[in-house]
């Protein structure tokens, strides 16, 4: 196994050197659509940099398997893109939110442009956090966006968790490039979406280094009768996609088929601007087959989370929330039902679990017209648990 990975690593490219542009996507994406997809940095000052990270020397291919694949020395140092923002015209907050995106997305998911108001921030989690007084650090997960892409087999739940842990350490130690001066944050809140939420609860359980956990677009239930087949049938190797033609990605990096975004990440919700979905198609990214290969094991791995947890789901999340009898999704008809469904998985030491269900909203909560309700619920909860300033 290790020999195969060494051979693959020798032929696998990494992301282009230097900082990503304001908006990046596949090489053949429409540049005008891509440029229009990102909201301005209203009310905050931001710096985008690349943070060196190391993959674990022995990454278990399945959580808890005990079968180690020695990747660290083979792959060498990697880099993770971090966009650090602080509220404008205010003292630097004590608390930073680390924003971790889902599959086929990157850090721009947290700052989606409003098609009706290009200068607005209706769909920007970053802006909502800044208005609430928080700093944000939106990252491109390893193997995604402008971060480096090791051989795809090395990009899994373990490498995701360990690199996010290193980002958290760097923020606490003031090693992430800040807009004005070096800033060490006293408190860190981990905010995830979808696979980013899975990464977040695995990281928080393994390292116990965060002060609160906000998990959006996730549960420990999935439409296991249909979702796995649906994901596989609507994705293919990124090198076969017109937007990624000519890239050096190995076949283990995949992307969504053209026209598949609505069905995968929005349906059955309809309260979304179709222009956002068009831009989503133009800015789609990649994920690795190994990120999802062990998803049933990820969902069934006992956790030991020791920070307060907030669950934020759309009632029409077509991946994680039940939409019909016997479809195996989580009960998202009420916050109380979702909390009771999730409570057993977080371990006996979790201090509290709360939830909010945003009605008539699909999986990609940030992109729906109801986004302000979702943002407000999260910021109100966080203000009670971990204020922006001590």
Protein backbone atom coordinates (compact mmCIF):
# COMPACT_ATOMS: atom_id res chain seq x y z
CA UNK A 1 0.00 0.00 0.00
CA UNK A 2 2.70 2.48 0.98
CA UNK A 3 4.64 1.71 -2.19
CA UNK A 4 1.61 2.48 -4.33
CA UNK A 5 1.15 5.80 -2.56
CA UNK A 6 4.78 6.73 -3.07
CA UNK A 7 4.46 6.10 -6.78
CA UNK A 8 1.27 8.16 -6.98
CA UNK A 9 2.80 11.02 -5.02
CA UNK A 10 5.59 11.31 -7.52
CA UNK A 11 3.13 12.02 -10.34
CA UNK A 12 0.59 14.15 -8.50
CA UNK A 13 0.64 17.93 -8.81
CA UNK A 14 -0.14 20.40 -6.06
CA UNK A 15 -1.93 23.72 -6.07
CA UNK A 16 -0.21 26.63 -7.77
CA UNK A 17 2.18 28.57 -5.60
CA UNK A 18 1.18 31.96 -4.24
CA UNK A 19 -2.04 33.26 -2.81
CA UNK A 20 -5.38 32.45 -4.44
CA UNK A 21 -7.18 35.23 -6.24
CA UNK A 22 -10.37 36.71 -4.83
CA UNK A 23 -12.21 33.88 -6.57
CA UNK A 24 -10.77 30.74 -8.14
CA UNK A 25 -12.28 27.67 -9.76
CA UNK A 26 -11.55 25.13 -12.46
CA UNK A 27 -9.32 26.57 -15.22
CA UNK A 28 -12.18 26.63 -17.74
CA UNK A 29 -14.76 28.30 -15.50
CA UNK A 30 -16.39 31.49 -16.77
CA UNK A 31 -14.28 34.23 -15.14
CA UNK A 32 -17.16 36.72 -14.99
CA UNK A 33 -19.42 34.26 -13.17
CA UNK A 34 -16.61 33.28 -10.82
CA UNK A 35 -15.78 36.91 -9.99
CA UNK A 36 -19.44 37.59 -9.21
CA UNK A 37 -19.70 34.68 -6.77
CA UNK A 38 -17.90 36.25 -3.80
CA UNK A 39 -19.30 38.99 -1.55
CA UNK A 40 -17.19 41.99 -0.51
CA UNK A 41 -15.47 41.97 2.87
CA UNK A 42 -17.93 44.38 4.45
CA UNK A 43 -17.22 45.50 8.00
CA UNK A 44 -14.02 43.56 8.36
CA UNK A 45 -10.36 43.58 7.40
CA UNK A 46 -8.98 40.35 5.97
CA UNK A 47 -5.69 38.72 5.04
CA UNK A 48 -5.33 35.50 3.07
CA UNK A 49 -2.19 33.44 3.64
CA UNK A 50 -0.84 29.91 3.42
CA UNK A 51 -0.11 28.04 6.65
CA UNK A 52 2.43 25.17 6.55
CA UNK A 53 1.01 21.92 7.96
CA UNK A 54 2.22 18.34 8.26
CA UNK A 55 0.15 15.25 7.67
CA UNK A 56 0.29 12.66 10.41
CA UNK A 57 3.09 10.14 9.94
CA UNK A 58 0.69 7.22 10.37
CA UNK A 59 -2.81 7.97 9.09
CA UNK A 60 -5.26 5.14 9.77
CA UNK A 61 -7.34 4.64 6.59
CA UNK A 62 -10.35 3.92 8.79
CA UNK A 63 -10.83 5.74 12.12
CA UNK A 64 -9.81 3.43 14.92
CA UNK A 65 -8.58 0.68 12.60
CA UNK A 66 -5.05 0.62 14.00
CA UNK A 67 -3.70 -0.08 10.50
CA UNK A 68 -1.23 2.71 9.81
CA UNK A 69 -0.15 3.94 6.39
CA UNK A 70 3.14 5.88 6.70
CA UNK A 71 2.42 9.00 4.64
CA UNK A 72 3.98 11.90 6.51
CA UNK A 73 7.60 11.52 5.40
CA UNK A 74 6.58 10.60 1.86
CA UNK A 75 4.32 13.57 1.24
CA UNK A 76 6.28 16.19 3.12
CA UNK A 77 4.98 19.53 4.28
CA UNK A 78 1.67 20.77 2.90
CA UNK A 79 -0.05 24.16 3.04
CA UNK A 80 -3.57 25.25 4.03
CA UNK A 81 -5.10 28.51 2.84
CA UNK A 82 -6.45 30.64 5.72
CA UNK A 83 -8.51 33.81 5.25
CA UNK A 84 -8.35 35.62 8.60
CA UNK A 85 -10.78 38.51 9.13
CA UNK A 86 -11.25 40.85 12.09
CA UNK A 87 -14.08 43.35 12.59
CA UNK A 88 -13.23 46.77 11.19
CA UNK A 89 -12.79 49.70 13.56
CA UNK A 90 -12.91 47.62 16.74
CA UNK A 91 -10.38 46.01 19.07
CA UNK A 92 -9.25 42.56 17.97
CA UNK A 93 -11.68 39.97 19.40
CA UNK A 94 -10.56 37.34 21.89
CA UNK A 95 -12.51 34.67 19.98
CA UNK A 96 -12.05 33.43 16.42
CA UNK A 97 -14.41 31.19 14.48
CA UNK A 98 -12.61 28.63 12.29
CA UNK A 99 -14.86 27.99 9.28
CA UNK A 100 -14.54 24.54 7.67
CA UNK A 101 -16.33 23.95 4.35
CA UNK A 102 -17.90 20.81 2.86
CA UNK A 103 -16.97 18.72 -0.18
CA UNK A 104 -16.61 20.43 -3.60
CA UNK A 105 -16.48 23.82 -1.85
CA UNK A 106 -13.73 26.00 -0.37
CA UNK A 107 -13.51 29.01 1.96
CA UNK A 108 -15.78 31.07 -0.32
CA UNK A 109 -18.81 29.12 0.93
CA UNK A 110 -18.71 31.39 3.98
CA UNK A 111 -18.93 34.61 1.90
CA UNK A 112 -21.45 34.05 -0.91
CA UNK A 113 -22.39 37.07 -3.04
CA UNK A 114 -25.96 38.37 -3.13
CA UNK A 115 -27.17 38.40 -6.78
CA UNK A 116 -29.64 41.18 -5.95
CA UNK A 117 -27.05 43.36 -4.23
CA UNK A 118 -23.41 42.79 -5.27
CA UNK A 119 -22.25 45.09 -2.47
CA UNK A 120 -24.37 43.36 0.18
CA UNK A 121 -23.64 40.48 2.53
CA UNK A 122 -26.98 38.71 2.96
CA UNK A 123 -25.38 35.31 2.35
CA UNK A 124 -22.09 35.91 4.20
CA UNK A 125 -21.44 34.03 7.45
CA UNK A 126 -18.18 35.97 7.70
CA UNK A 127 -20.04 39.28 7.69
CA UNK A 128 -22.60 38.06 10.24
CA UNK A 129 -19.77 36.94 12.54
CA UNK A 130 -18.00 40.30 12.19
CA UNK A 131 -21.22 42.18 13.03
CA UNK A 132 -21.45 40.00 16.16
CA UNK A 133 -17.87 40.99 17.06
CA UNK A 134 -16.04 37.77 16.10
CA UNK A 135 -12.93 37.18 14.05
CA UNK A 136 -13.16 34.44 11.42
CA UNK A 137 -10.58 32.13 9.86
CA UNK A 138 -12.10 30.51 6.77
CA UNK A 139 -9.88 27.74 5.43
CA UNK A 140 -9.50 25.64 2.32
CA UNK A 141 -9.30 22.10 3.69
CA UNK A 142 -6.26 20.07 2.66
CA UNK A 143 -6.68 18.91 -0.96
CA UNK A 144 -9.23 21.65 -1.67
CA UNK A 145 -9.33 25.15 -3.16
CA UNK A 146 -5.97 26.89 -3.02
CA UNK A 147 -4.49 24.52 -0.42
CA UNK A 148 -1.98 21.93 -1.57
CA UNK A 149 -3.23 18.66 -3.03
CA UNK A 150 -1.26 15.62 -1.93
CA UNK A 151 -1.99 12.26 -3.51
CA UNK A 152 -5.75 11.85 -3.16
CA UNK A 153 -5.44 8.70 -1.04
CA UNK A 154 -3.90 10.85 1.71
CA UNK A 155 -6.92 13.15 1.91
CA UNK A 156 -9.34 11.55 4.37
CA UNK A 157 -11.07 12.32 7.66
CA UNK A 158 -7.83 11.88 9.60
CA UNK A 159 -5.66 14.20 7.50
CA UNK A 160 -8.50 16.73 7.51
CA UNK A 161 -8.77 16.60 11.32
CA UNK A 162 -5.03 16.83 11.95
CA UNK A 163 -4.55 19.81 9.61
CA UNK A 164 -7.51 21.68 11.15
CA UNK A 165 -5.93 21.00 14.55
CA UNK A 166 -2.72 22.65 13.34
CA UNK A 167 -4.68 25.68 12.14
CA UNK A 168 -6.24 25.99 15.60
CA UNK A 169 -2.84 25.76 17.27
CA UNK A 170 -1.44 28.43 14.96
CA UNK A 171 -4.34 30.79 15.72
CA UNK A 172 -3.86 30.36 19.46
CA UNK A 173 -0.14 31.04 19.09
CA UNK A 174 -0.49 34.03 16.75
CA UNK A 175 1.20 32.29 13.81
CA UNK A 176 -1.50 33.00 11.21
CA UNK A 177 -0.90 36.15 9.20
CA UNK A 178 -3.29 38.83 10.48
CA UNK A 179 -4.55 42.00 8.74
CA UNK A 180 -2.61 44.41 10.95
CA UNK A 181 -0.50 42.73 13.62
CA UNK A 182 0.23 39.28 14.96
CA UNK A 183 -2.81 38.08 16.89
CA UNK A 184 -3.04 35.19 19.34
CA UNK A 185 -6.65 34.25 20.07
CA UNK A 186 -7.65 33.11 23.55
CA UNK A 187 -10.71 31.17 22.37
CA UNK A 188 -11.44 29.16 19.25
CA UNK A 189 -14.85 28.08 17.96
CA UNK A 190 -14.93 25.38 15.30
CA UNK A 191 -17.69 25.90 12.71
CA UNK A 192 -18.27 23.22 10.10
CA UNK A 193 -20.56 22.54 7.19
CA UNK A 194 -21.40 19.02 5.94
CA UNK A 195 -18.07 17.14 5.60
CA UNK A 196 -16.51 20.13 7.35
CA UNK A 197 -18.82 19.39 10.29
CA UNK A 198 -17.72 15.76 10.26
CA UNK A 199 -14.10 16.96 10.25
CA UNK A 200 -14.94 19.34 13.10
CA UNK A 201 -16.52 16.83 15.45
CA UNK A 202 -13.72 14.35 14.81
CA UNK A 203 -11.12 17.08 15.49
CA UNK A 204 -12.88 18.33 18.63
CA UNK A 205 -13.17 14.80 20.00
CA UNK A 206 -9.61 13.80 19.21
CA UNK A 207 -7.77 16.96 20.33
CA UNK A 208 -10.25 18.66 22.73
CA UNK A 209 -8.80 22.05 21.82
CA UNK A 210 -11.89 24.18 21.04
CA UNK A 211 -14.21 26.25 23.20
CA UNK A 212 -17.41 25.56 21.24
CA UNK A 213 -18.58 23.60 18.22
CA UNK A 214 -21.13 24.75 15.63
CA UNK A 215 -22.14 21.97 13.22
CA UNK A 216 -24.22 22.92 10.18
CA UNK A 217 -25.72 20.65 7.54
CA UNK A 218 -24.96 17.36 9.29
CA UNK A 219 -26.33 14.66 11.57
CA UNK A 220 -25.37 11.11 12.48
CA UNK A 221 -28.11 9.90 10.16
CA UNK A 222 -27.94 9.87 6.40
CA UNK A 223 -30.23 8.56 3.71
CA UNK A 224 -28.10 5.44 3.65
CA UNK A 225 -30.49 3.68 1.26
CA UNK A 226 -29.92 6.23 -1.49
CA UNK A 227 -27.30 8.85 -0.63
CA UNK A 228 -24.15 6.80 -1.21
CA UNK A 229 -25.30 5.67 -4.64
CA UNK A 230 -26.49 9.19 -5.45
CA UNK A 231 -23.16 10.77 -4.57
CA UNK A 232 -21.21 8.24 -6.61
CA UNK A 233 -23.51 8.51 -9.62
CA UNK A 234 -23.36 12.32 -9.71
CA UNK A 235 -19.57 12.67 -9.46
CA UNK A 236 -16.67 11.63 -11.67
CA UNK A 237 -12.87 12.17 -11.89
CA UNK A 238 -12.17 15.90 -11.99
CA UNK A 239 -9.72 15.51 -14.88
CA UNK A 240 -12.68 14.47 -17.08
CA UNK A 241 -14.60 17.67 -16.31
CA UNK A 242 -14.28 20.60 -18.74
CA UNK A 243 -13.61 22.98 -15.84
CA UNK A 244 -10.55 20.98 -14.74
CA UNK A 245 -9.21 19.93 -18.14
CA UNK A 246 -5.42 19.86 -18.27
CA UNK A 247 -4.89 19.71 -14.51
CA UNK A 248 -2.53 17.21 -12.91
CA UNK A 249 -5.08 15.84 -10.45
CA UNK A 250 -4.93 12.09 -9.94
CA UNK A 251 -8.14 10.11 -10.66
CA UNK A 252 -8.98 9.90 -6.96
CA UNK A 253 -9.94 13.58 -7.02
CA UNK A 254 -13.55 13.86 -8.18
CA UNK A 255 -16.06 16.63 -8.85
CA UNK A 256 -19.78 16.89 -9.53
CA UNK A 257 -21.19 16.20 -12.97
CA UNK A 258 -22.31 19.31 -14.86
CA UNK A 259 -25.78 20.35 -13.76
CA UNK A 260 -25.81 18.19 -10.61
CA UNK A 261 -25.41 20.89 -7.95
CA UNK A 262 -29.08 21.61 -7.26
CA UNK A 263 -30.02 17.97 -6.85
CA UNK A 264 -27.07 17.25 -4.59
CA UNK A 265 -26.90 20.28 -2.28
CA UNK A 266 -30.20 22.19 -2.47
CA UNK A 267 -33.13 19.88 -3.26
CA UNK A 268 -35.85 19.56 -2.20
CA UNK A 269 -35.55 23.19 -1.06
CA UNK A 270 -36.58 25.80 -3.61
CA UNK A 271 -36.15 29.06 -1.67
CA UNK A 272 -32.82 29.76 -3.35
CA UNK A 273 -31.87 32.21 -6.08
CA UNK A 274 -31.10 30.27 -9.29
CA UNK A 275 -28.20 32.65 -9.98
CA UNK A 276 -26.50 31.35 -6.84
CA UNK A 277 -26.78 27.79 -8.17
CA UNK A 278 -25.34 28.94 -11.53
CA UNK A 279 -22.37 30.44 -9.72
CA UNK A 280 -22.07 27.32 -7.60
CA UNK A 281 -21.65 25.31 -10.81
CA UNK A 282 -18.95 27.69 -12.04
CA UNK A 283 -16.96 27.61 -8.79
CA UNK A 284 -17.29 23.93 -7.92
CA UNK A 285 -14.25 22.22 -6.49
CA UNK A 286 -13.08 18.68 -5.87
CA UNK A 287 -12.99 16.07 -3.14
CA UNK A 288 -11.19 12.78 -2.76
CA UNK A 289 -12.79 9.35 -2.90
CA UNK A 290 -11.09 8.51 0.40
CA UNK A 291 -12.83 11.41 2.17
CA UNK A 292 -16.17 9.66 1.82
CA UNK A 293 -15.06 6.04 1.55
CA UNK A 294 -15.51 5.40 5.27
CA UNK A 295 -18.46 7.65 6.00
CA UNK A 296 -20.50 4.94 7.79
CA UNK A 297 -17.57 4.38 10.16
CA UNK A 298 -17.18 8.13 10.72
CA UNK A 299 -20.83 8.41 11.74
CA UNK A 300 -20.56 5.44 14.10
CA UNK A 301 -17.28 6.41 15.79
CA UNK A 302 -17.94 7.24 19.48
CA UNK A 303 -16.94 10.82 20.27
CA UNK A 304 -15.62 12.51 23.40
CA UNK A 305 -16.54 16.15 22.82
CA UNK A 306 -15.97 18.41 25.83
CA UNK A 307 -17.23 21.73 24.47
CA UNK A 308 -20.80 23.00 24.00
CA UNK A 309 -22.35 21.98 20.67
CA UNK A 310 -24.82 23.82 18.45
CA UNK A 311 -26.56 21.95 15.62
CA UNK A 312 -27.89 24.01 12.70
CA UNK A 313 -29.83 22.24 9.95
CA UNK A 314 -32.34 23.13 7.27
CA UNK A 315 -35.66 21.30 7.53
CA UNK A 316 -35.32 20.32 3.84
CA UNK A 317 -31.75 19.03 4.03
CA UNK A 318 -31.96 16.25 1.46
CA UNK A 319 -28.82 14.49 2.69
CA UNK A 320 -29.11 14.33 6.47
CA UNK A 321 -32.71 15.14 7.41
CA UNK A 322 -35.64 12.78 7.01
CA UNK A 323 -37.95 13.83 4.18
CA UNK A 324 -40.15 10.73 4.09
CA UNK A 325 -41.00 7.75 6.33
CA UNK A 326 -38.26 5.12 6.65
CA UNK A 327 -35.66 7.09 4.67
CA UNK A 328 -33.18 6.83 7.61
CA UNK A 329 -32.54 10.58 7.85
CA UNK A 330 -32.44 12.49 11.14
CA UNK A 331 -35.63 13.98 12.64
CA UNK A 332 -35.40 17.64 11.66
CA UNK A 333 -38.99 18.57 12.36
CA UNK A 334 -37.90 20.22 15.61
CA UNK A 335 -34.75 21.30 17.39
CA UNK A 336 -35.61 19.10 20.37
CA UNK A 337 -35.94 16.00 18.20
CA UNK A 338 -32.60 16.63 16.50
CA UNK A 339 -30.83 17.14 19.83
CA UNK A 340 -32.19 13.89 21.24
CA UNK A 341 -31.15 12.07 18.06
CA UNK A 342 -27.60 13.41 18.23
CA UNK A 343 -26.94 13.47 21.97
CA UNK A 344 -25.75 9.83 22.31
CA UNK A 345 -22.96 10.33 19.76
CA UNK A 346 -21.08 13.17 21.46
CA UNK A 347 -20.06 11.31 24.60
CA UNK A 348 -20.77 11.72 28.31
CA UNK A 349 -18.61 14.82 28.77
CA UNK A 350 -20.33 17.20 26.37
CA UNK A 351 -21.57 20.10 28.53
CA UNK A 352 -24.58 21.01 26.37
CA UNK A 353 -26.18 20.39 22.97
CA UNK A 354 -28.57 22.88 21.42
CA UNK A 355 -30.06 23.13 17.95
CA UNK A 356 -31.93 25.30 15.48
CA UNK A 357 -33.92 24.12 12.47
CA UNK A 358 -34.28 26.71 9.70
CA UNK A 359 -37.57 25.99 7.92
CA UNK A 360 -37.86 25.48 4.13
CA UNK A 361 -34.07 25.38 3.82
CA UNK A 362 -31.92 22.75 2.12
CA UNK A 363 -28.43 21.41 2.76
CA UNK A 364 -26.38 24.49 1.78
CA UNK A 365 -27.90 26.75 4.44
CA UNK A 366 -25.69 29.76 3.70
CA UNK A 367 -27.00 29.98 0.13
CA UNK A 368 -30.74 30.07 0.90
CA UNK A 369 -32.84 33.22 1.25
CA UNK A 370 -33.32 32.20 4.90
CA UNK A 371 -29.58 32.63 5.57
CA UNK A 372 -30.03 35.53 7.98
CA UNK A 373 -32.20 33.38 10.25
CA UNK A 374 -29.51 30.68 10.30
CA UNK A 375 -26.72 33.18 10.95
CA UNK A 376 -28.69 34.93 13.69
CA UNK A 377 -29.49 31.71 15.52
CA UNK A 378 -25.82 30.66 15.50
CA UNK A 379 -24.48 34.06 16.64
CA UNK A 380 -27.08 34.41 19.42
CA UNK A 381 -26.18 30.96 20.76
CA UNK A 382 -22.47 31.62 20.54
CA UNK A 383 -22.75 34.98 22.29
CA UNK A 384 -24.15 33.14 25.33
CA UNK A 385 -21.56 30.35 25.28
CA UNK A 386 -18.34 32.03 24.08
CA UNK A 387 -18.57 35.85 23.77
CA UNK A 388 -16.44 37.56 21.14
CA UNK A 389 -14.62 39.54 23.83
CA UNK A 390 -14.02 38.43 27.39
